[in-house]
C-alpha atoms as a PDB file:
ATOM      1  CA  MET A   1      -1.479 -25.567  42.401  1.00  0.00           C
ATOM      2  CA  TRP A   2       0.743 -23.968  45.065  1.00  0.00           C
ATOM      3  CA  LEU A   3      -0.866 -25.957  47.879  1.00  0.00           C
ATOM      4  CA  ASN A   4      -1.124 -29.301  46.041  1.00  0.00           C
ATOM      5  CA  ASP A   5       2.337 -29.514  44.487  1.00  0.00           C
ATOM      6  CA  ASP A   6       5.484 -29.687  46.598  1.00  0.00           C
ATOM      7  CA  ASP A   7       7.628 -29.046  43.508  1.00  0.00           C
ATOM      8  CA  PHE A   8       5.929 -25.710  42.790  1.00  0.00           C
ATOM      9  CA  THR A   9       8.555 -23.168  43.836  1.00  0.00           C
ATOM     10  CA  THR A  10       8.388 -19.456  44.412  1.00  0.00           C
ATOM     11  CA  ALA A  11      10.333 -18.992  41.180  1.00  0.00           C
ATOM     12  CA  ASP A  12       7.652 -20.965  39.304  1.00  0.00           C
ATOM     13  CA  PHE A  13       4.955 -18.818  40.870  1.00  0.00           C
ATOM     14  CA  GLN A  14       6.736 -15.596  39.938  1.00  0.00           C
ATOM     15  CA  ALA A  15       7.354 -16.821  36.386  1.00  0.00           C
ATOM     16  CA  MET A  16       3.634 -17.578  35.970  1.00  0.00           C
ATOM     17  CA  ARG A  17       2.606 -14.331  37.643  1.00  0.00           C
ATOM     18  CA  ALA A  18       4.851 -11.980  35.595  1.00  0.00           C
ATOM     19  CA  PRO A  19       2.901 -12.104  32.277  1.00  0.00           C
ATOM     20  CA  ILE A  20      -0.391 -11.668  34.126  1.00  0.00           C
ATOM     21  CA  VAL A  21       0.861  -8.593  35.972  1.00  0.00           C
ATOM     22  CA  LYS A  22       2.239  -7.209  32.709  1.00  0.00           C
ATOM     23  CA  ARG A  23      -1.158  -7.623  31.006  1.00  0.00           C
ATOM     24  CA  MET A  24      -2.905  -5.957  33.942  1.00  0.00           C
ATOM     25  CA  LYS A  25      -0.572  -2.946  33.831  1.00  0.00           C
ATOM     26  CA  GLU A  26      -1.037  -2.558  30.071  1.00  0.00           C
ATOM     27  CA  ARG A  27      -4.810  -2.591  30.455  1.00  0.00           C
ATOM     28  CA  GLN A  28      -4.666  -0.091  33.312  1.00  0.00           C
ATOM     29  CA  ARG A  29      -2.626   2.292  31.160  1.00  0.00           C
ATOM     30  CA  GLN A  30      -5.187   1.974  28.383  1.00  0.00           C
ATOM     31  CA  THR A  31      -8.079   2.792  30.697  1.00  0.00           C
ATOM     32  CA  VAL A  32      -6.542   5.901  32.272  1.00  0.00           C
ATOM     33  CA  ARG A  33      -8.662   8.943  31.521  1.00  0.00           C
ATOM     34  CA  ARG A  34      -7.103  12.314  31.894  1.00  0.00           C
ATOM     35  CA  PRO A  35      -9.232  15.012  33.521  1.00  0.00           C
ATOM     36  CA  VAL A  36     -10.119  17.120  30.482  1.00  0.00           C
ATOM     37  CA  VAL A  37     -12.015  19.431  32.864  1.00  0.00           C
ATOM     38  CA  VAL A  38      -8.625  21.125  33.375  1.00  0.00           C
ATOM     39  CA  LEU A  39      -9.107  22.717  29.933  1.00  0.00           C
ATOM     40  CA  LYS A  40     -12.487  24.220  30.833  1.00  0.00           C
ATOM     41  CA  GLY A  41     -12.357  27.954  30.311  1.00  0.00           C
ATOM     42  CA  ILE A  42      -8.886  27.871  28.759  1.00  0.00           C
ATOM     43  CA  ALA A  43      -9.272  26.162  25.362  1.00  0.00           C
ATOM     44  CA  GLY A  44     -10.998  27.537  22.299  1.00  0.00           C
ATOM     45  CA  PRO A  45     -10.606  30.675  20.211  1.00  0.00           C
ATOM     46  CA  GLU A  46      -9.569  32.753  23.234  1.00  0.00           C
ATOM     47  CA  ALA A  47      -6.952  30.246  24.443  1.00  0.00           C
ATOM     48  CA  GLU A  48      -4.018  32.650  24.176  1.00  0.00           C
ATOM     49  CA  ALA A  49      -5.777  35.383  26.171  1.00  0.00           C
ATOM     50  CA  ASN A  50      -6.967  32.821  28.729  1.00  0.00           C
ATOM     51  CA  TRP A  51      -3.417  31.499  29.130  1.00  0.00           C
ATOM     52  CA  LYS A  52      -2.097  35.020  29.706  1.00  0.00           C
ATOM     53  CA  ARG A  53      -4.801  35.485  32.336  1.00  0.00           C
ATOM     54  CA  LEU A  54      -3.513  32.366  34.136  1.00  0.00           C
ATOM     55  CA  GLU A  55       0.046  33.718  33.983  1.00  0.00           C
ATOM     56  CA  GLU A  56      -1.004  37.085  35.384  1.00  0.00           C
ATOM     57  CA  ALA A  57      -2.959  35.398  38.173  1.00  0.00           C
ATOM     58  CA  GLY A  58       0.039  33.210  38.990  1.00  0.00           C
ATOM     59  CA  ASP A  59      -2.087  30.056  38.734  1.00  0.00           C
ATOM     60  CA  HIS A  60       0.941  27.820  38.197  1.00  0.00           C
ATOM     61  CA  ALA A  61      -0.764  24.703  39.570  1.00  0.00           C
ATOM     62  CA  ARG A  62      -3.410  24.859  36.836  1.00  0.00           C
ATOM     63  CA  MET A  63      -0.814  25.653  34.180  1.00  0.00           C
ATOM     64  CA  ASN A  64       1.176  22.568  35.257  1.00  0.00           C
ATOM     65  CA  ALA A  65      -1.988  20.449  35.162  1.00  0.00           C
ATOM     66  CA  ILE A  66      -2.636  21.595  31.587  1.00  0.00           C
ATOM     67  CA  TYR A  67       0.942  20.781  30.573  1.00  0.00           C
ATOM     68  CA  ARG A  68       0.619  17.308  32.127  1.00  0.00           C
ATOM     69  CA  LEU A  69      -2.654  16.714  30.321  1.00  0.00           C
ATOM     70  CA  LEU A  70      -1.260  17.678  26.931  1.00  0.00           C
ATOM     71  CA  PHE A  71       2.334  16.418  27.056  1.00  0.00           C
ATOM     72  CA  ALA A  72       3.729  13.008  28.013  1.00  0.00           C
ATOM     73  CA  ALA A  73       7.284  14.353  27.933  1.00  0.00           C
ATOM     74  CA  VAL A  74       9.330  17.335  26.878  1.00  0.00           C
ATOM     75  CA  ILE A  75      12.880  16.319  25.986  1.00  0.00           C
ATOM     76  CA  VAL A  76      15.597  18.962  25.720  1.00  0.00           C
ATOM     77  CA  ARG A  77      18.698  17.614  23.988  1.00  0.00           C
ATOM     78  CA  PRO A  78      22.196  19.003  24.756  1.00  0.00           C
ATOM     79  CA  PRO A  79      23.205  22.195  22.936  1.00  0.00           C
ATOM     80  CA  THR A  80      24.936  21.814  19.593  1.00  0.00           C
ATOM     81  CA  ARG A  81      26.269  25.339  19.288  1.00  0.00           C
ATOM     82  CA  LYS A  82      27.906  27.871  21.554  1.00  0.00           C
ATOM     83  CA  GLY A  83      26.649  31.311  22.312  1.00  0.00           C
ATOM     84  CA  ARG A  84      23.648  33.036  23.751  1.00  0.00           C
ATOM     85  CA  GLY A  85      20.094  32.090  23.044  1.00  0.00           C
ATOM     86  CA  PHE A  86      18.041  28.947  23.200  1.00  0.00           C
ATOM     87  CA  ASP A  87      17.891  26.618  20.202  1.00  0.00           C
ATOM     88  CA  THR A  88      14.286  25.428  19.992  1.00  0.00           C
ATOM     89  CA  ASP A  89      15.256  22.793  17.415  1.00  0.00           C
ATOM     90  CA  ARG A  90      16.719  20.677  20.197  1.00  0.00           C
ATOM     91  CA  VAL A  91      13.364  20.348  21.989  1.00  0.00           C
ATOM     92  CA  ASP A  92      11.174  17.300  21.332  1.00  0.00           C
ATOM     93  CA  ILE A  93       7.621  17.166  22.648  1.00  0.00           C
ATOM     94  CA  GLU A  94       5.776  13.873  23.099  1.00  0.00           C
ATOM     95  CA  PRO A  95       2.035  14.546  23.210  1.00  0.00           C
ATOM     96  CA  ASN A  96      -0.373  12.529  25.327  1.00  0.00           C
ATOM     97  CA  PRO A  97      -3.126  10.735  23.429  1.00  0.00           C
ATOM     98  CA  LEU A  98      -6.320  12.729  23.972  1.00  0.00           C
ATOM     99  CA  ASP A  99      -8.782  10.116  22.732  1.00  0.00           C
END
C-alpha cells in the first residue's frame, strides 16, 4: 500500500502500525518465562535455612535474582507517623505470576 498510494503518509503508516506493535508487545509479555531454576536448592521445607546460607555466603546476586523472580514490584509509601522504627504496613508487594 505504501508503494502504490501517493496519499499514504507516514502518519497513516504509524497509525496502522501502532495497534499491531501493541498486540506484539502484549503477546511477548505473556510468553516470558522466568528462570525458575533460580529457586533450585533454596525452596522447600528448608527455605529459611537455605536463605540464611545465601546471606552468610554473601551471594547477593542470587538473592536479587530470587527477589526479581518472585516480585514484580515492592512499593514503599511515605511514612505516616514520626519516630523511630519502620512501619511495615506502608509496604505493598506485587507478586509476579508464577504460572
